[in-house]
Amino acid sequence: MKIIHWIAAFMLSGSTLLAGGFTLYSHDLAGQLSKTEEFSGFGCDGANISPELHWSDAPSGTKSFAITVYDPDAPTGSGWWHWVVFNIPSSINALPTDFGNVSKSATIAAIQSITDYGKTGFGGACPPKGDKAHRYIFTVYALGVDKLGLDEKASPALVGFMLNANTLAKATLVSYYQR
């Protein structure tokens, strides 16, 4: 059984290599989230500021990008979507700190749709107190379409479906947070 896991891991890592090294980086993240990226609400009192993200080596044919932040450890049975951004023009390769604040993000034409908090924009980490450290998976998608044909009311599941149907490559960063 372990050999199957190694083969699967190799195959998944190969998709990044075939995409020419498409990579996601952040000057704000160092493996651990902080109070800066913690949600403000639901019993959490963080600043709710999205981190700076930048990416490089997108594959040829990329027409737009999308960003998601997902916590697979949330005690919901289906995880928790913290940020969903799409229709980022292919000429953009970075989002500044606090881009997830929709009142400050008008400089880049992109759509931030609703998260599992029921609001648009970035919704920071807010794991239950005393729970294990949660993983926050930041993913950038290189897409083969200019627009997904969705608006800010699109659910994370619908956006995810459209992302999977149009992804040329993706790159991830994982950070952890615990309260």
N, C-alpha and C. Protein backbone atom coordinates (compact mmCIF):
# COMPACT_ATOMS: atom_id res chain seq x y z
N MET A 1 0.81 -1.20 0.00
CA MET A 1 0.00 0.00 0.00
C MET A 1 0.86 1.27 0.00
N LYS A 2 2.00 1.24 0.73
CA LYS A 2 2.87 2.41 0.77
C LYS A 2 3.41 2.75 -0.61
N ILE A 3 3.67 1.75 -1.42
CA ILE A 3 4.20 1.99 -2.76
C ILE A 3 3.20 2.78 -3.60
N ILE A 4 1.91 2.51 -3.41
CA ILE A 4 0.88 3.24 -4.15
C ILE A 4 0.91 4.72 -3.75
N HIS A 5 1.08 5.00 -2.45
CA HIS A 5 1.15 6.39 -2.00
C HIS A 5 2.37 7.10 -2.59
N TRP A 6 3.52 6.42 -2.66
CA TRP A 6 4.72 7.01 -3.25
C TRP A 6 4.52 7.29 -4.73
N ILE A 7 3.88 6.35 -5.43
CA ILE A 7 3.61 6.55 -6.86
C ILE A 7 2.66 7.73 -7.05
N ALA A 8 1.60 7.80 -6.23
CA ALA A 8 0.65 8.90 -6.33
C ALA A 8 1.34 10.23 -6.06
N ALA A 9 2.19 10.28 -5.03
CA ALA A 9 2.92 11.51 -4.71
C ALA A 9 3.83 11.92 -5.87
N PHE A 10 4.50 10.96 -6.47
CA PHE A 10 5.38 11.25 -7.60
C PHE A 10 4.57 11.79 -8.78
N MET A 11 3.43 11.16 -9.05
CA MET A 11 2.60 11.60 -10.19
C MET A 11 2.09 13.02 -9.95
N LEU A 12 1.65 13.32 -8.72
CA LEU A 12 1.16 14.66 -8.43
C LEU A 12 2.28 15.69 -8.54
N SER A 13 3.46 15.36 -8.06
CA SER A 13 4.57 16.31 -8.16
C SER A 13 4.99 16.49 -9.61
N GLY A 14 4.81 15.49 -10.41
CA GLY A 14 5.17 15.57 -11.82
C GLY A 14 4.36 16.58 -12.58
N SER A 15 3.10 16.81 -12.16
CA SER A 15 2.28 17.79 -12.88
C SER A 15 2.87 19.19 -12.75
N THR A 16 3.47 19.49 -11.60
CA THR A 16 4.12 20.79 -11.45
C THR A 16 5.36 20.87 -12.33
N LEU A 17 6.13 19.80 -12.38
CA LEU A 17 7.33 19.81 -13.22
C LEU A 17 6.98 19.97 -14.68
N LEU A 18 5.94 19.30 -15.12
CA LEU A 18 5.53 19.41 -16.52
C LEU A 18 5.02 20.81 -16.84
N ALA A 19 4.54 21.51 -15.81
CA ALA A 19 4.04 22.86 -16.03
C ALA A 19 5.18 23.88 -16.05
N GLY A 20 6.42 23.42 -16.00
CA GLY A 20 7.56 24.31 -16.10
C GLY A 20 7.93 24.98 -14.79
N GLY A 21 7.58 24.41 -13.67
CA GLY A 21 7.97 24.97 -12.39
C GLY A 21 7.07 26.08 -11.87
N PHE A 22 5.84 26.13 -12.28
CA PHE A 22 4.87 27.10 -11.78
C PHE A 22 4.91 27.07 -10.25
N THR A 23 5.19 28.23 -9.64
CA THR A 23 5.44 28.28 -8.20
C THR A 23 4.73 29.46 -7.56
N LEU A 24 4.21 29.23 -6.35
CA LEU A 24 3.56 30.27 -5.54
C LEU A 24 4.47 30.61 -4.36
N TYR A 25 4.60 31.91 -4.08
CA TYR A 25 5.44 32.41 -2.99
C TYR A 25 4.67 33.44 -2.17
N SER A 26 5.19 33.75 -0.97
CA SER A 26 4.64 34.84 -0.18
C SER A 26 5.73 35.43 0.71
N HIS A 27 5.81 36.76 0.74
CA HIS A 27 6.72 37.44 1.66
C HIS A 27 6.13 37.49 3.06
N ASP A 28 4.81 37.30 3.18
CA ASP A 28 4.12 37.42 4.46
C ASP A 28 4.01 36.11 5.22
N LEU A 29 4.09 34.99 4.53
CA LEU A 29 3.89 33.69 5.17
C LEU A 29 5.22 32.98 5.38
N ALA A 30 5.36 32.38 6.54
CA ALA A 30 6.58 31.62 6.84
C ALA A 30 6.21 30.28 7.45
N GLY A 31 5.23 29.63 6.89
CA GLY A 31 4.80 28.33 7.40
C GLY A 31 3.74 28.41 8.46
N GLN A 32 3.68 29.52 9.18
CA GLN A 32 2.68 29.72 10.23
C GLN A 32 1.92 31.01 9.95
N LEU A 33 0.61 30.95 10.08
CA LEU A 33 -0.17 32.18 10.02
C LEU A 33 -0.03 32.90 11.36
N SER A 34 -0.42 34.16 11.40
CA SER A 34 -0.32 34.95 12.63
C SER A 34 -1.66 35.63 12.89
N LYS A 35 -1.72 36.44 13.94
CA LYS A 35 -2.93 37.20 14.24
C LYS A 35 -3.30 38.11 13.06
N THR A 36 -2.32 38.48 12.26
CA THR A 36 -2.60 39.32 11.10
C THR A 36 -3.55 38.61 10.15
N GLU A 37 -3.36 37.31 9.93
CA GLU A 37 -4.20 36.55 9.00
C GLU A 37 -5.37 35.86 9.71
N GLU A 38 -5.53 36.07 11.02
CA GLU A 38 -6.65 35.47 11.75
C GLU A 38 -7.92 36.27 11.48
N PHE A 39 -9.04 35.57 11.38
CA PHE A 39 -10.35 36.18 11.14
C PHE A 39 -10.72 37.11 12.29
N SER A 40 -11.57 38.08 12.00
CA SER A 40 -12.15 38.95 13.02
C SER A 40 -13.63 38.63 13.08
N GLY A 41 -14.02 37.79 14.04
CA GLY A 41 -15.39 37.32 14.18
C GLY A 41 -15.40 35.84 14.51
N PHE A 42 -16.56 35.26 14.74
CA PHE A 42 -16.69 33.84 15.09
C PHE A 42 -15.86 33.49 16.32
N GLY A 43 -15.64 34.44 17.22
CA GLY A 43 -14.82 34.19 18.41
C GLY A 43 -13.34 34.45 18.19
N CYS A 44 -12.95 34.84 17.00
CA CYS A 44 -11.55 35.18 16.71
C CYS A 44 -11.41 36.70 16.66
N ASP A 45 -10.24 37.20 17.01
CA ASP A 45 -10.05 38.65 17.07
C ASP A 45 -8.80 39.12 16.31
N GLY A 46 -8.54 38.48 15.19
CA GLY A 46 -7.38 38.85 14.38
C GLY A 46 -7.65 40.06 13.51
N ALA A 47 -6.66 40.42 12.72
CA ALA A 47 -6.76 41.59 11.83
C ALA A 47 -7.46 41.25 10.51
N ASN A 48 -7.57 39.95 10.17
CA ASN A 48 -8.22 39.50 8.94
C ASN A 48 -7.61 40.15 7.69
N ILE A 49 -6.30 40.14 7.61
CA ILE A 49 -5.58 40.71 6.47
C ILE A 49 -5.00 39.58 5.63
N SER A 50 -5.33 39.58 4.35
CA SER A 50 -4.80 38.55 3.46
C SER A 50 -3.31 38.78 3.21
N PRO A 51 -2.54 37.70 3.08
CA PRO A 51 -1.10 37.84 2.84
C PRO A 51 -0.79 38.23 1.40
N GLU A 52 0.37 38.81 1.22
CA GLU A 52 0.91 39.05 -0.12
C GLU A 52 1.19 37.69 -0.75
N LEU A 53 0.84 37.56 -2.01
CA LEU A 53 1.11 36.33 -2.77
C LEU A 53 1.69 36.72 -4.12
N HIS A 54 2.66 35.96 -4.60
CA HIS A 54 3.17 36.17 -5.97
C HIS A 54 3.57 34.83 -6.55
N TRP A 55 3.55 34.74 -7.87
CA TRP A 55 3.80 33.48 -8.54
C TRP A 55 4.65 33.72 -9.77
N SER A 56 5.27 32.62 -10.22
CA SER A 56 6.15 32.73 -11.39
C SER A 56 6.05 31.47 -12.23
N ASP A 57 6.53 31.59 -13.46
CA ASP A 57 6.63 30.47 -14.41
C ASP A 57 5.29 29.83 -14.74
N ALA A 58 4.28 30.66 -14.99
CA ALA A 58 2.99 30.13 -15.44
C ALA A 58 3.17 29.47 -16.80
N PRO A 59 2.39 28.44 -17.07
CA PRO A 59 2.55 27.74 -18.35
C PRO A 59 2.09 28.58 -19.54
N SER A 60 2.64 28.27 -20.68
CA SER A 60 2.23 28.90 -21.93
C SER A 60 0.73 28.67 -22.12
N GLY A 61 0.04 29.66 -22.61
CA GLY A 61 -1.40 29.54 -22.83
C GLY A 61 -2.24 30.01 -21.66
N THR A 62 -1.61 30.47 -20.58
CA THR A 62 -2.35 30.98 -19.43
C THR A 62 -3.07 32.26 -19.82
N LYS A 63 -4.38 32.30 -19.59
CA LYS A 63 -5.19 33.47 -19.94
C LYS A 63 -5.68 34.23 -18.71
N SER A 64 -5.68 33.56 -17.55
CA SER A 64 -6.06 34.22 -16.29
C SER A 64 -5.59 33.35 -15.13
N PHE A 65 -5.74 33.91 -13.93
CA PHE A 65 -5.36 33.18 -12.71
C PHE A 65 -6.51 33.20 -11.72
N ALA A 66 -6.44 32.29 -10.76
CA ALA A 66 -7.37 32.28 -9.63
C ALA A 66 -6.57 31.91 -8.39
N ILE A 67 -7.07 32.32 -7.25
CA ILE A 67 -6.46 32.00 -5.95
C ILE A 67 -7.54 31.44 -5.05
N THR A 68 -7.22 30.38 -4.31
CA THR A 68 -8.11 29.90 -3.26
C THR A 68 -7.30 29.66 -2.00
N VAL A 69 -7.99 29.74 -0.87
CA VAL A 69 -7.42 29.34 0.42
C VAL A 69 -8.43 28.41 1.06
N TYR A 70 -7.96 27.22 1.42
CA TYR A 70 -8.83 26.14 1.90
C TYR A 70 -8.24 25.51 3.16
N ASP A 71 -9.09 25.27 4.15
CA ASP A 71 -8.72 24.57 5.38
C ASP A 71 -9.39 23.20 5.37
N PRO A 72 -8.65 22.13 5.05
CA PRO A 72 -9.25 20.80 5.03
C PRO A 72 -9.50 20.23 6.42
N ASP A 73 -8.97 20.89 7.46
CA ASP A 73 -9.08 20.39 8.83
C ASP A 73 -10.25 20.99 9.60
N ALA A 74 -10.99 21.91 8.99
CA ALA A 74 -12.14 22.51 9.68
C ALA A 74 -13.14 21.41 10.03
N PRO A 75 -13.72 21.47 11.23
CA PRO A 75 -14.62 20.40 11.67
C PRO A 75 -16.03 20.52 11.08
N THR A 76 -16.09 20.45 9.75
CA THR A 76 -17.38 20.58 9.06
C THR A 76 -17.77 19.34 8.28
N GLY A 77 -16.82 18.45 8.06
CA GLY A 77 -17.05 17.31 7.18
C GLY A 77 -16.68 17.62 5.74
N SER A 78 -16.50 18.91 5.44
CA SER A 78 -16.14 19.28 4.06
C SER A 78 -15.10 20.39 4.00
N GLY A 79 -14.43 20.68 5.10
CA GLY A 79 -13.42 21.73 5.09
C GLY A 79 -14.04 23.12 5.12
N TRP A 80 -13.21 24.13 4.85
CA TRP A 80 -13.67 25.52 4.92
C TRP A 80 -12.91 26.34 3.88
N TRP A 81 -13.66 27.07 3.04
CA TRP A 81 -13.07 27.94 2.02
C TRP A 81 -12.93 29.35 2.60
N HIS A 82 -11.70 29.84 2.69
CA HIS A 82 -11.39 31.13 3.29
C HIS A 82 -11.23 32.26 2.28
N TRP A 83 -10.95 31.91 1.02
CA TRP A 83 -10.76 32.96 0.02
C TRP A 83 -10.91 32.35 -1.35
N VAL A 84 -11.64 33.03 -2.22
CA VAL A 84 -11.86 32.58 -3.59
C VAL A 84 -11.77 33.81 -4.50
N VAL A 85 -10.73 33.88 -5.31
CA VAL A 85 -10.50 35.01 -6.22
C VAL A 85 -10.29 34.45 -7.62
N PHE A 86 -10.96 35.00 -8.61
CA PHE A 86 -10.79 34.50 -9.98
C PHE A 86 -10.90 35.65 -10.98
N ASN A 87 -10.65 35.32 -12.24
CA ASN A 87 -10.58 36.31 -13.33
C ASN A 87 -9.45 37.31 -13.12
N ILE A 88 -8.37 36.87 -12.48
CA ILE A 88 -7.18 37.71 -12.34
C ILE A 88 -6.49 37.73 -13.71
N PRO A 89 -6.28 38.90 -14.30
CA PRO A 89 -5.69 38.95 -15.64
C PRO A 89 -4.32 38.26 -15.70
N SER A 90 -4.01 37.70 -16.84
CA SER A 90 -2.73 36.98 -17.01
C SER A 90 -1.52 37.91 -16.90
N SER A 91 -1.73 39.21 -17.00
CA SER A 91 -0.62 40.17 -16.87
C SER A 91 -0.23 40.40 -15.40
N ILE A 92 -1.02 39.89 -14.48
CA ILE A 92 -0.78 40.05 -13.04
C ILE A 92 -0.07 38.81 -12.51
N ASN A 93 0.95 39.00 -11.69
CA ASN A 93 1.61 37.84 -11.07
C ASN A 93 1.79 38.02 -9.57
N ALA A 94 1.01 38.93 -8.97
CA ALA A 94 1.08 39.15 -7.53
C ALA A 94 -0.19 39.82 -7.02
N LEU A 95 -0.53 39.51 -5.78
CA LEU A 95 -1.59 40.22 -5.07
C LEU A 95 -0.95 40.81 -3.82
N PRO A 96 -1.16 42.11 -3.57
CA PRO A 96 -0.53 42.74 -2.41
C PRO A 96 -1.20 42.33 -1.09
N THR A 97 -0.51 42.57 0.01
CA THR A 97 -1.07 42.36 1.33
C THR A 97 -2.39 43.12 1.43
N ASP A 98 -3.39 42.49 2.00
CA ASP A 98 -4.75 43.04 2.22
C ASP A 98 -5.56 43.19 0.94
N PHE A 99 -5.14 42.54 -0.14
CA PHE A 99 -5.96 42.54 -1.35
C PHE A 99 -7.32 41.92 -1.07
N GLY A 100 -7.39 41.02 -0.10
CA GLY A 100 -8.64 40.36 0.24
C GLY A 100 -9.68 41.27 0.86
N ASN A 101 -9.31 42.49 1.20
CA ASN A 101 -10.25 43.50 1.67
C ASN A 101 -10.87 44.10 0.41
N VAL A 102 -12.11 43.71 0.10
CA VAL A 102 -12.70 44.09 -1.19
C VAL A 102 -12.80 45.60 -1.38
N SER A 103 -12.83 46.37 -0.31
CA SER A 103 -12.89 47.82 -0.47
C SER A 103 -11.54 48.41 -0.91
N LYS A 104 -10.46 47.61 -0.83
CA LYS A 104 -9.13 48.09 -1.20
C LYS A 104 -8.57 47.40 -2.44
N SER A 105 -9.34 46.53 -3.07
CA SER A 105 -8.78 45.70 -4.14
C SER A 105 -9.17 46.13 -5.54
N ALA A 106 -9.70 47.32 -5.70
CA ALA A 106 -10.19 47.76 -7.01
C ALA A 106 -9.08 48.00 -8.03
N THR A 107 -7.82 47.99 -7.60
CA THR A 107 -6.72 48.26 -8.52
C THR A 107 -6.48 47.11 -9.50
N ILE A 108 -6.94 45.91 -9.16
CA ILE A 108 -6.80 44.75 -10.04
C ILE A 108 -8.20 44.24 -10.35
N ALA A 109 -8.51 44.13 -11.64
CA ALA A 109 -9.83 43.64 -12.04
C ALA A 109 -9.88 42.14 -11.81
N ALA A 110 -10.53 41.74 -10.74
CA ALA A 110 -10.71 40.33 -10.40
C ALA A 110 -11.98 40.23 -9.57
N ILE A 111 -12.52 39.04 -9.48
CA ILE A 111 -13.73 38.81 -8.69
C ILE A 111 -13.36 38.02 -7.44
N GLN A 112 -13.80 38.53 -6.29
CA GLN A 112 -13.68 37.80 -5.03
C GLN A 112 -15.08 37.33 -4.67
N SER A 113 -15.29 36.04 -4.74
CA SER A 113 -16.63 35.52 -4.48
C SER A 113 -16.78 35.13 -3.01
N ILE A 114 -17.98 34.70 -2.67
CA ILE A 114 -18.27 34.39 -1.27
C ILE A 114 -17.43 33.21 -0.78
N THR A 115 -17.16 33.26 0.50
CA THR A 115 -16.41 32.20 1.17
C THR A 115 -17.39 31.44 2.06
N ASP A 116 -16.87 30.51 2.83
CA ASP A 116 -17.74 29.79 3.76
C ASP A 116 -18.17 30.65 4.94
N TYR A 117 -17.62 31.85 5.08
CA TYR A 117 -18.13 32.81 6.06
C TYR A 117 -19.38 33.51 5.54
N GLY A 118 -19.72 33.31 4.26
CA GLY A 118 -20.89 33.94 3.67
C GLY A 118 -20.63 35.35 3.18
N LYS A 119 -19.37 35.74 3.10
CA LYS A 119 -18.99 37.09 2.67
C LYS A 119 -17.97 36.99 1.55
N THR A 120 -17.86 38.05 0.76
CA THR A 120 -16.82 38.11 -0.27
C THR A 120 -15.51 38.56 0.37
N GLY A 121 -14.43 38.30 -0.32
CA GLY A 121 -13.12 38.71 0.16
C GLY A 121 -12.49 37.67 1.08
N PHE A 122 -11.35 38.04 1.63
CA PHE A 122 -10.58 37.14 2.49
C PHE A 122 -11.25 36.97 3.84
N GLY A 123 -11.35 35.73 4.27
CA GLY A 123 -11.82 35.39 5.61
C GLY A 123 -10.72 34.59 6.29
N GLY A 124 -10.05 35.18 7.23
CA GLY A 124 -8.87 34.57 7.84
C GLY A 124 -9.13 33.30 8.63
N ALA A 125 -8.04 32.75 9.14
CA ALA A 125 -8.08 31.51 9.91
C ALA A 125 -8.85 31.73 11.22
N CYS A 126 -9.61 30.72 11.63
CA CYS A 126 -10.32 30.78 12.90
C CYS A 126 -10.63 29.35 13.36
N PRO A 127 -9.59 28.55 13.59
CA PRO A 127 -9.84 27.18 14.04
C PRO A 127 -10.37 27.19 15.48
N PRO A 128 -11.12 26.17 15.87
CA PRO A 128 -11.60 26.11 17.26
C PRO A 128 -10.43 26.14 18.25
N LYS A 129 -10.63 26.83 19.37
CA LYS A 129 -9.60 26.87 20.41
C LYS A 129 -9.30 25.46 20.89
N GLY A 130 -8.01 25.17 21.03
CA GLY A 130 -7.58 23.87 21.54
C GLY A 130 -7.53 22.77 20.50
N ASP A 131 -8.00 23.05 19.28
CA ASP A 131 -7.94 22.05 18.20
C ASP A 131 -6.50 21.94 17.71
N LYS A 132 -6.23 20.87 16.99
CA LYS A 132 -4.89 20.70 16.40
C LYS A 132 -4.61 21.84 15.43
N ALA A 133 -3.37 22.00 15.06
CA ALA A 133 -3.01 23.01 14.05
C ALA A 133 -3.71 22.66 12.74
N HIS A 134 -4.36 23.65 12.15
CA HIS A 134 -5.05 23.46 10.87
C HIS A 134 -4.12 23.85 9.73
N ARG A 135 -4.31 23.16 8.60
CA ARG A 135 -3.56 23.49 7.37
C ARG A 135 -4.38 24.49 6.56
N TYR A 136 -3.72 25.51 6.07
CA TYR A 136 -4.34 26.49 5.19
C TYR A 136 -3.62 26.40 3.86
N ILE A 137 -4.33 25.90 2.86
CA ILE A 137 -3.73 25.62 1.56
C ILE A 137 -4.03 26.78 0.62
N PHE A 138 -3.00 27.54 0.30
CA PHE A 138 -3.08 28.65 -0.64
C PHE A 138 -2.73 28.09 -2.01
N THR A 139 -3.63 28.24 -2.98
CA THR A 139 -3.41 27.69 -4.32
C THR A 139 -3.62 28.77 -5.37
N VAL A 140 -2.68 28.85 -6.30
CA VAL A 140 -2.86 29.69 -7.49
C VAL A 140 -3.09 28.75 -8.66
N TYR A 141 -4.07 29.07 -9.47
CA TYR A 141 -4.42 28.28 -10.65
C TYR A 141 -4.10 29.10 -11.89
N ALA A 142 -3.40 28.51 -12.84
CA ALA A 142 -3.21 29.09 -14.17
C ALA A 142 -4.33 28.53 -15.03
N LEU A 143 -5.13 29.41 -15.61
CA LEU A 143 -6.33 28.98 -16.33
C LEU A 143 -6.20 29.23 -17.83
N GLY A 144 -6.85 28.39 -18.59
CA GLY A 144 -6.85 28.50 -20.04
C GLY A 144 -7.97 29.35 -20.59
N VAL A 145 -8.69 30.07 -19.71
CA VAL A 145 -9.78 30.96 -20.13
C VAL A 145 -9.57 32.33 -19.49
N ASP A 146 -10.06 33.39 -20.18
CA ASP A 146 -9.96 34.74 -19.64
C ASP A 146 -10.88 34.95 -18.44
N LYS A 147 -12.08 34.41 -18.53
CA LYS A 147 -13.11 34.60 -17.51
C LYS A 147 -13.79 33.27 -17.23
N LEU A 148 -14.19 33.07 -15.98
CA LEU A 148 -14.91 31.85 -15.62
C LEU A 148 -16.41 31.95 -15.89
N GLY A 149 -16.92 33.15 -16.15
CA GLY A 149 -18.35 33.31 -16.40
C GLY A 149 -19.17 33.24 -15.13
N LEU A 150 -18.57 33.59 -14.00
CA LEU A 150 -19.25 33.58 -12.70
C LEU A 150 -19.16 34.97 -12.09
N ASP A 151 -19.95 35.22 -11.05
CA ASP A 151 -19.87 36.50 -10.36
C ASP A 151 -19.54 36.28 -8.89
N GLU A 152 -19.60 37.37 -8.11
CA GLU A 152 -19.20 37.30 -6.70
C GLU A 152 -20.16 36.48 -5.84
N LYS A 153 -21.31 36.11 -6.37
CA LYS A 153 -22.26 35.29 -5.62
C LYS A 153 -22.02 33.79 -5.80
N ALA A 154 -21.08 33.42 -6.65
CA ALA A 154 -20.79 32.01 -6.91
C ALA A 154 -20.23 31.34 -5.65
N SER A 155 -20.74 30.16 -5.36
CA SER A 155 -20.28 29.41 -4.19
C SER A 155 -18.87 28.87 -4.43
N PRO A 156 -18.14 28.59 -3.36
CA PRO A 156 -16.81 27.98 -3.54
C PRO A 156 -16.87 26.66 -4.33
N ALA A 157 -17.92 25.88 -4.15
CA ALA A 157 -18.04 24.61 -4.88
C ALA A 157 -18.19 24.86 -6.38
N LEU A 158 -19.01 25.84 -6.76
CA LEU A 158 -19.19 26.14 -8.18
C LEU A 158 -17.89 26.69 -8.79
N VAL A 159 -17.23 27.59 -8.06
CA VAL A 159 -15.96 28.10 -8.56
C VAL A 159 -14.95 26.96 -8.69
N GLY A 160 -14.90 26.08 -7.70
CA GLY A 160 -13.99 24.94 -7.76
C GLY A 160 -14.24 24.06 -8.97
N PHE A 161 -15.50 23.84 -9.29
CA PHE A 161 -15.84 23.05 -10.47
C PHE A 161 -15.29 23.71 -11.74
N MET A 162 -15.51 25.02 -11.86
CA MET A 162 -15.03 25.74 -13.04
C MET A 162 -13.50 25.80 -13.08
N LEU A 163 -12.88 25.94 -11.92
CA LEU A 163 -11.41 25.94 -11.88
C LEU A 163 -10.87 24.61 -12.38
N ASN A 164 -11.41 23.52 -11.87
CA ASN A 164 -10.93 22.20 -12.28
C ASN A 164 -11.14 21.94 -13.76
N ALA A 165 -12.19 22.51 -14.33
CA ALA A 165 -12.47 22.32 -15.76
C ALA A 165 -11.54 23.14 -16.65
N ASN A 166 -10.88 24.16 -16.08
CA ASN A 166 -10.09 25.09 -16.90
C ASN A 166 -8.64 25.26 -16.46
N THR A 167 -8.16 24.43 -15.55
CA THR A 167 -6.81 24.58 -15.00
C THR A 167 -5.75 23.99 -15.93
N LEU A 168 -4.74 24.80 -16.22
CA LEU A 168 -3.56 24.34 -16.95
C LEU A 168 -2.50 23.83 -15.98
N ALA A 169 -2.38 24.52 -14.84
CA ALA A 169 -1.42 24.13 -13.80
C ALA A 169 -1.83 24.82 -12.51
N LYS A 170 -1.34 24.32 -11.39
CA LYS A 170 -1.58 24.99 -10.12
C LYS A 170 -0.36 24.82 -9.23
N ALA A 171 -0.23 25.74 -8.29
CA ALA A 171 0.88 25.72 -7.34
C ALA A 171 0.32 26.05 -5.97
N THR A 172 0.89 25.46 -4.93
CA THR A 172 0.35 25.65 -3.59
C THR A 172 1.42 26.03 -2.58
N LEU A 173 0.95 26.68 -1.53
CA LEU A 173 1.72 26.96 -0.31
C LEU A 173 0.85 26.49 0.84
N VAL A 174 1.43 25.89 1.85
CA VAL A 174 0.66 25.46 3.02
C VAL A 174 1.21 26.17 4.24
N SER A 175 0.31 26.79 5.00
CA SER A 175 0.65 27.40 6.28
C SER A 175 -0.25 26.79 7.34
N TYR A 176 0.17 26.89 8.59
CA TYR A 176 -0.56 26.28 9.70
C TYR A 176 -0.99 27.35 10.69
N TYR A 177 -2.09 27.03 11.43
CA TYR A 177 -2.53 27.94 12.48
C TYR A 177 -3.30 27.17 13.53
N GLN A 178 -3.08 27.59 14.78
CA GLN A 178 -3.73 26.96 15.92
C GLN A 178 -4.00 28.04 16.95
N ARG A 179 -5.13 27.90 17.65
CA ARG A 179 -5.44 28.86 18.73
C ARG A 179 -5.44 28.13 20.06
